[in-house]
Amino acid sequence: MPVDSTNEIVVGVLVLIIFCAVLILLLRLWIKFLARMRNRSIQKKIAAGKIKDKTLMKLYQRFQKSQNGKVIAMMCFGVNYKLFLRTQSDTYEIYKAEMIRRNLPL
């Protein structure tokens, strides 16, 4: 009798681990999707000229300061903190490229 209950516990724990892994994977995919949509939105705004130089400089400086925010990334995104840092870096590069294109001071 104890063997069956032990097997049930092990199976339950394995199901829980698999469920958590799938949940983390889905969260990661959702974050990637949102990051792509945000970056496309930023690029469209820049291409349409909707972002003024002063606003662009503020956004660039804000992202420059938060480049190495590993602690905040770990607190907000947990296991997906590297994904957060990568998306921040991608957005920073978009702003940086536009700053260079407009000949604004970095």
C-alpha atoms as a PDB file:
ATOM      1  CA  MET A   1       0.000   0.000   0.000  1.00  0.00           C
ATOM      2  CA  PRO A   2       2.719   2.599   0.773  1.00  0.00           C
ATOM      3  CA  VAL A   3       4.359   1.922  -2.614  1.00  0.00           C
ATOM      4  CA  ASP A   4       1.219   2.982  -4.471  1.00  0.00           C
ATOM      5  CA  SER A   5       0.881   6.233  -2.546  1.00  0.00           C
ATOM      6  CA  THR A   6       4.570   6.998  -3.166  1.00  0.00           C
ATOM      7  CA  ASN A   7       4.119   6.389  -6.886  1.00  0.00           C
ATOM      8  CA  GLU A   8       1.068   8.629  -6.898  1.00  0.00           C
ATOM      9  CA  ILE A   9       3.027  11.387  -5.188  1.00  0.00           C
ATOM     10  CA  VAL A  10       5.916  11.071  -7.651  1.00  0.00           C
ATOM     11  CA  VAL A  11       3.529  11.138 -10.615  1.00  0.00           C
ATOM     12  CA  GLY A  12       1.740  14.161  -9.149  1.00  0.00           C
ATOM     13  CA  VAL A  13       5.016  16.027  -8.675  1.00  0.00           C
ATOM     14  CA  LEU A  14       6.127  15.191 -12.233  1.00  0.00           C
ATOM     15  CA  VAL A  15       2.811  16.422 -13.640  1.00  0.00           C
ATOM     16  CA  LEU A  16       3.202  19.631 -11.643  1.00  0.00           C
ATOM     17  CA  ILE A  17       6.755  20.149 -12.933  1.00  0.00           C
ATOM     18  CA  ILE A  18       5.670  19.578 -16.535  1.00  0.00           C
ATOM     19  CA  PHE A  19       2.723  21.935 -16.092  1.00  0.00           C
ATOM     20  CA  CYS A  20       5.008  24.651 -14.689  1.00  0.00           C
ATOM     21  CA  ALA A  21       7.509  24.190 -17.545  1.00  0.00           C
ATOM     22  CA  VAL A  22       4.747  24.535 -20.141  1.00  0.00           C
ATOM     23  CA  LEU A  23       3.404  27.604 -18.353  1.00  0.00           C
ATOM     24  CA  ILE A  24       6.856  29.219 -18.323  1.00  0.00           C
ATOM     25  CA  LEU A  25       7.285  28.444 -22.029  1.00  0.00           C
ATOM     26  CA  LEU A  26       3.928  30.032 -22.859  1.00  0.00           C
ATOM     27  CA  LEU A  27       4.817  33.100 -20.792  1.00  0.00           C
ATOM     28  CA  ARG A  28       8.115  33.381 -22.645  1.00  0.00           C
ATOM     29  CA  LEU A  29       6.380  33.213 -26.024  1.00  0.00           C
ATOM     30  CA  TRP A  30       3.855  35.840 -24.930  1.00  0.00           C
ATOM     31  CA  ILE A  31       6.625  38.188 -23.763  1.00  0.00           C
ATOM     32  CA  LYS A  32       8.470  37.745 -27.087  1.00  0.00           C
ATOM     33  CA  PHE A  33       5.293  38.533 -29.001  1.00  0.00           C
ATOM     34  CA  LEU A  34       4.608  41.684 -26.969  1.00  0.00           C
ATOM     35  CA  ALA A  35       8.212  42.838 -27.322  1.00  0.00           C
ATOM     36  CA  ARG A  36       8.094  42.429 -31.103  1.00  0.00           C
ATOM     37  CA  MET A  37       4.831  44.332 -31.294  1.00  0.00           C
ATOM     38  CA  ARG A  38       6.241  47.144 -29.140  1.00  0.00           C
ATOM     39  CA  ASN A  39       9.399  47.420 -31.247  1.00  0.00           C
ATOM     40  CA  ARG A  40       7.371  47.463 -34.473  1.00  0.00           C
ATOM     41  CA  SER A  41       5.170  50.180 -33.016  1.00  0.00           C
ATOM     42  CA  ILE A  42       8.225  52.235 -32.090  1.00  0.00           C
ATOM     43  CA  GLN A  43       9.711  51.801 -35.555  1.00  0.00           C
ATOM     44  CA  LYS A  44       6.447  52.856 -37.204  1.00  0.00           C
ATOM     45  CA  LYS A  45       6.224  55.962 -35.018  1.00  0.00           C
ATOM     46  CA  ILE A  46       9.808  56.867 -35.852  1.00  0.00           C
ATOM     47  CA  ALA A  47       9.273  56.270 -39.578  1.00  0.00           C
ATOM     48  CA  ALA A  48       6.128  58.403 -39.531  1.00  0.00           C
ATOM     49  CA  GLY A  49       7.979  61.200 -37.747  1.00  0.00           C
ATOM     50  CA  LYS A  50       5.678  61.148 -34.728  1.00  0.00           C
ATOM     51  CA  ILE A  51       8.551  61.223 -32.226  1.00  0.00           C
ATOM     52  CA  LYS A  52      10.183  64.609 -31.792  1.00  0.00           C
ATOM     53  CA  ASP A  53      13.904  65.013 -31.202  1.00  0.00           C
ATOM     54  CA  LYS A  54      13.483  66.002 -27.565  1.00  0.00           C
ATOM     55  CA  THR A  55      11.249  63.002 -26.838  1.00  0.00           C
ATOM     56  CA  LEU A  56      13.633  60.694 -28.666  1.00  0.00           C
ATOM     57  CA  MET A  57      16.556  61.946 -26.596  1.00  0.00           C
ATOM     58  CA  LYS A  58      14.630  61.339 -23.351  1.00  0.00           C
ATOM     59  CA  LEU A  59      13.634  57.833 -24.399  1.00  0.00           C
ATOM     60  CA  TYR A  60      17.193  57.038 -25.478  1.00  0.00           C
ATOM     61  CA  GLN A  61      18.624  58.268 -22.173  1.00  0.00           C
ATOM     62  CA  ARG A  62      16.035  56.301 -20.183  1.00  0.00           C
ATOM     63  CA  PHE A  63      16.881  53.070 -21.996  1.00  0.00           C
ATOM     64  CA  GLN A  64      20.610  53.804 -21.728  1.00  0.00           C
ATOM     65  CA  LYS A  65      20.325  54.045 -17.948  1.00  0.00           C
ATOM     66  CA  SER A  66      18.341  50.821 -17.667  1.00  0.00           C
ATOM     67  CA  GLN A  67      20.671  48.753 -19.853  1.00  0.00           C
ATOM     68  CA  ASN A  68      22.119  46.684 -17.017  1.00  0.00           C
ATOM     69  CA  GLY A  69      19.084  46.411 -14.753  1.00  0.00           C
ATOM     70  CA  LYS A  70      19.564  42.724 -13.992  1.00  0.00           C
ATOM     71  CA  VAL A  71      18.098  42.923 -10.500  1.00  0.00           C
ATOM     72  CA  ILE A  72      14.877  44.538 -11.693  1.00  0.00           C
ATOM     73  CA  ALA A  73      14.699  42.090 -14.608  1.00  0.00           C
ATOM     74  CA  MET A  74      15.040  39.128 -12.247  1.00  0.00           C
ATOM     75  CA  MET A  75      12.384  40.517  -9.920  1.00  0.00           C
ATOM     76  CA  CYS A  76       9.904  41.213 -12.722  1.00  0.00           C
ATOM     77  CA  PHE A  77      10.484  38.318 -15.091  1.00  0.00           C
ATOM     78  CA  GLY A  78      12.093  35.592 -12.979  1.00  0.00           C
ATOM     79  CA  VAL A  79      13.516  32.863 -15.170  1.00  0.00           C
ATOM     80  CA  ASN A  80      12.881  34.935 -18.276  1.00  0.00           C
ATOM     81  CA  TYR A  81      15.093  37.823 -17.141  1.00  0.00           C
ATOM     82  CA  LYS A  82      17.505  37.351 -20.049  1.00  0.00           C
ATOM     83  CA  LEU A  83      14.627  37.740 -22.471  1.00  0.00           C
ATOM     84  CA  PHE A  84      13.698  41.016 -20.776  1.00  0.00           C
ATOM     85  CA  LEU A  85      17.273  42.263 -21.043  1.00  0.00           C
ATOM     86  CA  ARG A  86      17.387  41.298 -24.726  1.00  0.00           C
ATOM     87  CA  THR A  87      14.147  43.126 -25.499  1.00  0.00           C
ATOM     88  CA  GLN A  88      15.403  46.196 -23.630  1.00  0.00           C
ATOM     89  CA  SER A  89      18.608  46.028 -25.648  1.00  0.00           C
ATOM     90  CA  ASP A  90      16.686  45.751 -28.932  1.00  0.00           C
ATOM     91  CA  THR A  91      14.601  48.806 -28.086  1.00  0.00           C
ATOM     92  CA  TYR A  92      17.738  50.691 -27.064  1.00  0.00           C
ATOM     93  CA  GLU A  93      19.325  49.877 -30.425  1.00  0.00           C
ATOM     94  CA  ILE A  94      16.267  51.216 -32.274  1.00  0.00           C
ATOM     95  CA  TYR A  95      16.511  54.512 -30.409  1.00  0.00           C
ATOM     96  CA  LYS A  96      20.282  54.653 -30.839  1.00  0.00           C
ATOM     97  CA  ALA A  97      20.057  54.102 -34.598  1.00  0.00           C
ATOM     98  CA  GLU A  98      17.494  56.894 -34.893  1.00  0.00           C
ATOM     99  CA  MET A  99      19.627  59.207 -32.759  1.00  0.00           C
ATOM    100  CA  ILE A 100      22.549  58.594 -35.109  1.00  0.00           C
ATOM    101  CA  ARG A 101      20.362  59.056 -38.187  1.00  0.00           C
ATOM    102  CA  ARG A 102      19.105  62.410 -36.900  1.00  0.00           C
ATOM    103  CA  ASN A 103      22.623  63.483 -35.855  1.00  0.00           C
ATOM    104  CA  LEU A 104      21.596  63.977 -32.247  1.00  0.00           C
ATOM    105  CA  PRO A 105      24.191  63.755 -29.475  1.00  0.00           C
ATOM    106  CA  LEU A 106      24.518  60.364 -27.852  1.00  0.00           C
END
